[in-house]
Amino acid sequence: MSIVTLVGNPRPGSRTLAVATSAAQAVGGRLGASSGAYEVVDLSGAGPHLLSPGKHPDVGAALELVSGASVLVVASPTYKGTYTGLLKSLLDRLPPDALAGKAALPLLVMGDPKHSLAVEVHLRPLLVELGAFVPTPGLAVLESQIPQLEEVLAGWADRVAPQVAAVLKEGALS
């Protein structure tokens, strides 16, 4: 099992990166993932390469990690009520059904609770379009919740990990 965290924040070392990697660990721990199962794709330095017409080795490596994941945590800060264009630029490079047979966990970090539905209304459909199984609920983390992140993640991971485990088991049986 491989757990890949894809972070679409343009800022290096962002809160989104910290929340997303903690979320991956929370779910992975409940799934019994080994310490070597985790990879991170941080798009903070990839913007110019994502928008260039040619192929770039860093973008190719990111796409390979994302496509090869058993479980994919897809995280972004909330910009203008949805995920970043940076994240969309990478996901647009994936072929149709690139995430078929994979569990994708959408996660948005936001400053205002009025954007809480964005994870379900905007990010979930994109991941489903790429063929992923997306357990319910996605994770909307308010910046004000970050001090209690462990508690927030525990409740969420307890709800989604059984769904992810069922998908992984089904995939192993096919």
C-alpha atoms as a PDB file:
ATOM      1  CA  MET A   1       0.000   0.000   0.000  1.00  0.00           C
ATOM      2  CA  SER A   2       1.268   3.455  -0.862  1.00  0.00           C
ATOM      3  CA  ILE A   3      -0.161   6.663   0.576  1.00  0.00           C
ATOM      4  CA  VAL A   4       0.616   9.789  -1.407  1.00  0.00           C
ATOM      5  CA  THR A   5      -0.143  13.290  -0.187  1.00  0.00           C
ATOM      6  CA  LEU A   6      -0.644  15.796  -3.025  1.00  0.00           C
ATOM      7  CA  VAL A   7      -0.494  19.408  -1.854  1.00  0.00           C
ATOM      8  CA  GLY A   8      -1.596  22.226  -4.158  1.00  0.00           C
ATOM      9  CA  ASN A   9      -0.465  25.183  -2.048  1.00  0.00           C
ATOM     10  CA  PRO A  10       1.874  27.604  -3.868  1.00  0.00           C
ATOM     11  CA  ARG A  11       3.704  28.410  -0.604  1.00  0.00           C
ATOM     12  CA  PRO A  12       6.510  26.094   0.534  1.00  0.00           C
ATOM     13  CA  GLY A  13       6.164  24.798   4.099  1.00  0.00           C
ATOM     14  CA  SER A  14       2.475  25.723   4.209  1.00  0.00           C
ATOM     15  CA  ARG A  15      -0.140  24.907   6.834  1.00  0.00           C
ATOM     16  CA  THR A  16      -1.881  22.923   4.103  1.00  0.00           C
ATOM     17  CA  LEU A  17       1.188  20.698   3.785  1.00  0.00           C
ATOM     18  CA  ALA A  18       1.305  20.152   7.551  1.00  0.00           C
ATOM     19  CA  VAL A  19      -2.417  19.380   7.797  1.00  0.00           C
ATOM     20  CA  ALA A  20      -2.342  17.063   4.767  1.00  0.00           C
ATOM     21  CA  THR A  21       0.640  15.019   5.924  1.00  0.00           C
ATOM     22  CA  SER A  22      -0.946  14.678   9.365  1.00  0.00           C
ATOM     23  CA  ALA A  23      -4.201  13.544   7.730  1.00  0.00           C
ATOM     24  CA  ALA A  24      -2.332  10.931   5.672  1.00  0.00           C
ATOM     25  CA  GLN A  25      -0.647   9.644   8.840  1.00  0.00           C
ATOM     26  CA  ALA A  26      -3.985   9.508  10.690  1.00  0.00           C
ATOM     27  CA  VAL A  27      -5.670   7.434   7.981  1.00  0.00           C
ATOM     28  CA  GLY A  28      -2.558   5.353   7.292  1.00  0.00           C
ATOM     29  CA  GLY A  29      -2.202   4.521  10.966  1.00  0.00           C
ATOM     30  CA  ARG A  30      -5.728   3.138  11.027  1.00  0.00           C
ATOM     31  CA  LEU A  31      -4.971   1.106   7.891  1.00  0.00           C
ATOM     32  CA  GLY A  32      -1.766  -0.346   9.359  1.00  0.00           C
ATOM     33  CA  ALA A  33       0.509   1.379   6.827  1.00  0.00           C
ATOM     34  CA  SER A  34       4.247   0.984   7.304  1.00  0.00           C
ATOM     35  CA  SER A  35       6.451   4.049   7.715  1.00  0.00           C
ATOM     36  CA  GLY A  36       7.802   3.548   4.183  1.00  0.00           C
ATOM     37  CA  ALA A  37       4.313   3.749   2.655  1.00  0.00           C
ATOM     38  CA  TYR A  38       4.142   7.560   2.643  1.00  0.00           C
ATOM     39  CA  GLU A  39       5.160   9.946  -0.155  1.00  0.00           C
ATOM     40  CA  VAL A  40       4.522  13.680  -0.549  1.00  0.00           C
ATOM     41  CA  VAL A  41       4.053  15.651  -3.755  1.00  0.00           C
ATOM     42  CA  ASP A  42       4.351  19.338  -2.820  1.00  0.00           C
ATOM     43  CA  LEU A  43       3.516  21.507  -5.838  1.00  0.00           C
ATOM     44  CA  SER A  44       4.832  24.751  -4.289  1.00  0.00           C
ATOM     45  CA  GLY A  45       7.789  24.927  -6.668  1.00  0.00           C
ATOM     46  CA  ALA A  46       6.189  23.286  -9.684  1.00  0.00           C
ATOM     47  CA  GLY A  47       4.026  26.119 -11.060  1.00  0.00           C
ATOM     48  CA  PRO A  48       6.209  27.176 -13.985  1.00  0.00           C
ATOM     49  CA  HIS A  49       6.802  23.555 -15.005  1.00  0.00           C
ATOM     50  CA  LEU A  50       3.110  22.674 -14.871  1.00  0.00           C
ATOM     51  CA  LEU A  51       2.245  25.443 -17.282  1.00  0.00           C
ATOM     52  CA  SER A  52       5.050  24.910 -19.769  1.00  0.00           C
ATOM     53  CA  PRO A  53       4.150  22.985 -22.928  1.00  0.00           C
ATOM     54  CA  GLY A  54       7.036  20.526 -22.695  1.00  0.00           C
ATOM     55  CA  LYS A  55       7.577  17.657 -20.322  1.00  0.00           C
ATOM     56  CA  HIS A  56       9.503  18.309 -17.134  1.00  0.00           C
ATOM     57  CA  PRO A  57      11.036  15.505 -15.030  1.00  0.00           C
ATOM     58  CA  ASP A  58       9.622  16.882 -11.746  1.00  0.00           C
ATOM     59  CA  VAL A  59       6.100  16.971 -13.176  1.00  0.00           C
ATOM     60  CA  GLY A  60       6.527  13.473 -14.594  1.00  0.00           C
ATOM     61  CA  ALA A  61       7.676  12.174 -11.212  1.00  0.00           C
ATOM     62  CA  ALA A  62       4.717  13.846  -9.491  1.00  0.00           C
ATOM     63  CA  LEU A  63       2.253  12.327 -11.959  1.00  0.00           C
ATOM     64  CA  GLU A  64       3.831   8.910 -11.513  1.00  0.00           C
ATOM     65  CA  LEU A  65       3.543   9.085  -7.713  1.00  0.00           C
ATOM     66  CA  VAL A  66      -0.063  10.281  -7.887  1.00  0.00           C
ATOM     67  CA  SER A  67      -1.035   7.604 -10.427  1.00  0.00           C
ATOM     68  CA  GLY A  68       0.692   4.862  -8.434  1.00  0.00           C
ATOM     69  CA  ALA A  69      -0.886   5.647  -5.067  1.00  0.00           C
ATOM     70  CA  SER A  70      -3.236   3.225  -3.361  1.00  0.00           C
ATOM     71  CA  VAL A  71      -4.515   6.088  -1.208  1.00  0.00           C
ATOM     72  CA  LEU A  72      -4.221   9.691  -2.350  1.00  0.00           C
ATOM     73  CA  VAL A  73      -4.739  12.614   0.037  1.00  0.00           C
ATOM     74  CA  VAL A  74      -5.441  15.653  -2.165  1.00  0.00           C
ATOM     75  CA  ALA A  75      -5.066  18.937  -0.304  1.00  0.00           C
ATOM     76  CA  SER A  76      -5.348  22.609  -1.112  1.00  0.00           C
ATOM     77  CA  PRO A  77      -5.964  25.877   0.632  1.00  0.00           C
ATOM     78  CA  THR A  78      -9.321  27.372  -0.275  1.00  0.00           C
ATOM     79  CA  TYR A  79      -8.884  30.154  -2.839  1.00  0.00           C
ATOM     80  CA  LYS A  80     -11.955  31.966  -4.114  1.00  0.00           C
ATOM     81  CA  GLY A  81     -14.194  29.277  -2.618  1.00  0.00           C
ATOM     82  CA  THR A  82     -12.439  26.282  -4.192  1.00  0.00           C
ATOM     83  CA  TYR A  83      -9.051  24.572  -4.663  1.00  0.00           C
ATOM     84  CA  THR A  84      -6.018  26.232  -6.259  1.00  0.00           C
ATOM     85  CA  GLY A  85      -5.287  26.451  -9.970  1.00  0.00           C
ATOM     86  CA  LEU A  86      -1.914  24.896  -9.171  1.00  0.00           C
ATOM     87  CA  LEU A  87      -3.611  21.687  -8.019  1.00  0.00           C
ATOM     88  CA  LYS A  88      -5.970  21.721 -11.002  1.00  0.00           C
ATOM     89  CA  SER A  89      -3.031  22.176 -13.386  1.00  0.00           C
ATOM     90  CA  LEU A  90      -1.419  18.962 -12.192  1.00  0.00           C
ATOM     91  CA  LEU A  91      -4.646  16.966 -12.099  1.00  0.00           C
ATOM     92  CA  ASP A  92      -5.476  18.148 -15.631  1.00  0.00           C
ATOM     93  CA  ARG A  93      -2.363  16.337 -16.847  1.00  0.00           C
ATOM     94  CA  LEU A  94      -3.679  12.967 -15.700  1.00  0.00           C
ATOM     95  CA  PRO A  95      -5.356  10.786 -18.321  1.00  0.00           C
ATOM     96  CA  PRO A  96      -9.012   9.785 -17.937  1.00  0.00           C
ATOM     97  CA  ASP A  97      -9.544   7.201 -15.190  1.00  0.00           C
ATOM     98  CA  ALA A  98      -5.977   7.690 -13.920  1.00  0.00           C
ATOM     99  CA  LEU A  99      -7.284   7.278 -10.363  1.00  0.00           C
ATOM    100  CA  ALA A 100      -9.525   4.262 -11.037  1.00  0.00           C
ATOM    101  CA  GLY A 101      -9.267   1.718  -8.241  1.00  0.00           C
ATOM    102  CA  LYS A 102      -7.707   4.246  -5.872  1.00  0.00           C
ATOM    103  CA  ALA A 103      -9.101   5.918  -2.784  1.00  0.00           C
ATOM    104  CA  ALA A 104      -8.788   9.702  -2.912  1.00  0.00           C
ATOM    105  CA  LEU A 105      -9.321  11.810   0.194  1.00  0.00           C
ATOM    106  CA  PRO A 106     -10.129  15.475  -0.539  1.00  0.00           C
ATOM    107  CA  LEU A 107      -8.952  18.039   2.010  1.00  0.00           C
ATOM    108  CA  LEU A 108      -9.279  21.817   2.015  1.00  0.00           C
ATOM    109  CA  VAL A 109      -7.834  24.252   4.548  1.00  0.00           C
ATOM    110  CA  MET A 110      -9.879  27.423   4.879  1.00  0.00           C
ATOM    111  CA  GLY A 111     -10.185  30.604   6.872  1.00  0.00           C
ATOM    112  CA  ASP A 112     -13.955  30.958   6.764  1.00  0.00           C
ATOM    113  CA  PRO A 113     -16.558  28.306   7.587  1.00  0.00           C
ATOM    114  CA  LYS A 114     -18.767  29.524   4.729  1.00  0.00           C
ATOM    115  CA  HIS A 115     -16.412  27.603   2.385  1.00  0.00           C
ATOM    116  CA  SER A 116     -16.845  24.278   4.206  1.00  0.00           C
ATOM    117  CA  LEU A 117     -18.891  22.687   1.437  1.00  0.00           C
ATOM    118  CA  ALA A 118     -16.208  23.407  -1.165  1.00  0.00           C
ATOM    119  CA  VAL A 119     -14.471  20.114  -0.399  1.00  0.00           C
ATOM    120  CA  GLU A 120     -17.635  18.205  -1.368  1.00  0.00           C
ATOM    121  CA  VAL A 121     -18.940  20.494  -4.101  1.00  0.00           C
ATOM    122  CA  HIS A 122     -15.699  21.286  -5.948  1.00  0.00           C
ATOM    123  CA  LEU A 123     -12.833  18.933  -5.095  1.00  0.00           C
ATOM    124  CA  ARG A 124     -14.757  15.657  -4.752  1.00  0.00           C
ATOM    125  CA  PRO A 125     -16.273  15.822  -8.295  1.00  0.00           C
ATOM    126  CA  LEU A 126     -12.833  16.395  -9.827  1.00  0.00           C
ATOM    127  CA  LEU A 127     -11.446  13.284  -8.124  1.00  0.00           C
ATOM    128  CA  VAL A 128     -14.504  11.219  -9.085  1.00  0.00           C
ATOM    129  CA  GLU A 129     -14.108  12.402 -12.693  1.00  0.00           C
ATOM    130  CA  LEU A 130     -10.586  10.939 -12.619  1.00  0.00           C
ATOM    131  CA  GLY A 131     -12.056   7.590 -11.525  1.00  0.00           C
ATOM    132  CA  ALA A 132     -11.238   7.643  -7.808  1.00  0.00           C
ATOM    133  CA  PHE A 133     -13.362   6.238  -5.028  1.00  0.00           C
ATOM    134  CA  VAL A 134     -13.899   9.181  -2.665  1.00  0.00           C
ATOM    135  CA  PRO A 135     -15.018   8.233   0.865  1.00  0.00           C
ATOM    136  CA  THR A 136     -17.381  10.456   2.775  1.00  0.00           C
ATOM    137  CA  PRO A 137     -16.819  12.958   4.234  1.00  0.00           C
ATOM    138  CA  GLY A 138     -14.059  15.019   2.682  1.00  0.00           C
ATOM    139  CA  LEU A 139     -12.104  17.059   5.191  1.00  0.00           C
ATOM    140  CA  ALA A 140     -12.658  20.794   5.595  1.00  0.00           C
ATOM    141  CA  VAL A 141     -10.225  22.202   8.170  1.00  0.00           C
ATOM    142  CA  LEU A 142     -10.679  25.730   9.406  1.00  0.00           C
ATOM    143  CA  GLU A 143      -7.479  27.574  10.250  1.00  0.00           C
ATOM    144  CA  SER A 144      -8.964  28.103  13.725  1.00  0.00           C
ATOM    145  CA  GLN A 145      -9.112  24.287  14.161  1.00  0.00           C
ATOM    146  CA  ILE A 146      -5.392  23.751  13.519  1.00  0.00           C
ATOM    147  CA  PRO A 147      -4.497  23.943  17.248  1.00  0.00           C
ATOM    148  CA  GLN A 148      -6.900  20.992  17.776  1.00  0.00           C
ATOM    149  CA  LEU A 149      -5.808  19.224  14.587  1.00  0.00           C
ATOM    150  CA  GLU A 150      -5.145  15.854  16.215  1.00  0.00           C
ATOM    151  CA  GLU A 151      -8.714  15.706  17.520  1.00  0.00           C
ATOM    152  CA  VAL A 152     -10.202  16.887  14.197  1.00  0.00           C
ATOM    153  CA  LEU A 153      -8.196  14.308  12.259  1.00  0.00           C
ATOM    154  CA  ALA A 154      -9.018  11.475  14.675  1.00  0.00           C
ATOM    155  CA  GLY A 155     -12.764  11.833  14.166  1.00  0.00           C
ATOM    156  CA  TRP A 156     -12.439  12.154  10.397  1.00  0.00           C
ATOM    157  CA  ALA A 157      -9.968   9.273  10.041  1.00  0.00           C
ATOM    158  CA  ASP A 158     -12.213   7.037  12.167  1.00  0.00           C
ATOM    159  CA  ARG A 159     -15.044   7.645   9.658  1.00  0.00           C
ATOM    160  CA  VAL A 160     -13.121   7.300   6.383  1.00  0.00           C
ATOM    161  CA  ALA A 161     -10.526   4.604   7.161  1.00  0.00           C
ATOM    162  CA  PRO A 162     -13.069   1.732   7.123  1.00  0.00           C
ATOM    163  CA  GLN A 163     -14.301   2.899   3.710  1.00  0.00           C
ATOM    164  CA  VAL A 164     -10.734   3.078   2.387  1.00  0.00           C
ATOM    165  CA  ALA A 165      -9.929  -0.352   3.831  1.00  0.00           C
ATOM    166  CA  ALA A 166     -12.934  -1.834   2.019  1.00  0.00           C
ATOM    167  CA  VAL A 167     -11.774  -0.356  -1.314  1.00  0.00           C
ATOM    168  CA  LEU A 168      -8.219  -1.604  -0.781  1.00  0.00           C
ATOM    169  CA  LYS A 169      -9.489  -5.062   0.106  1.00  0.00           C
ATOM    170  CA  GLU A 170     -11.741  -5.133  -2.959  1.00  0.00           C
ATOM    171  CA  GLY A 171      -8.797  -4.103  -5.140  1.00  0.00           C
ATOM    172  CA  ALA A 172      -6.671  -6.908  -3.685  1.00  0.00           C
ATOM    173  CA  LEU A 173      -9.414  -9.423  -4.489  1.00  0.00           C
ATOM    174  CA  SER A 174      -9.729  -8.391  -8.137  1.00  0.00           C
END
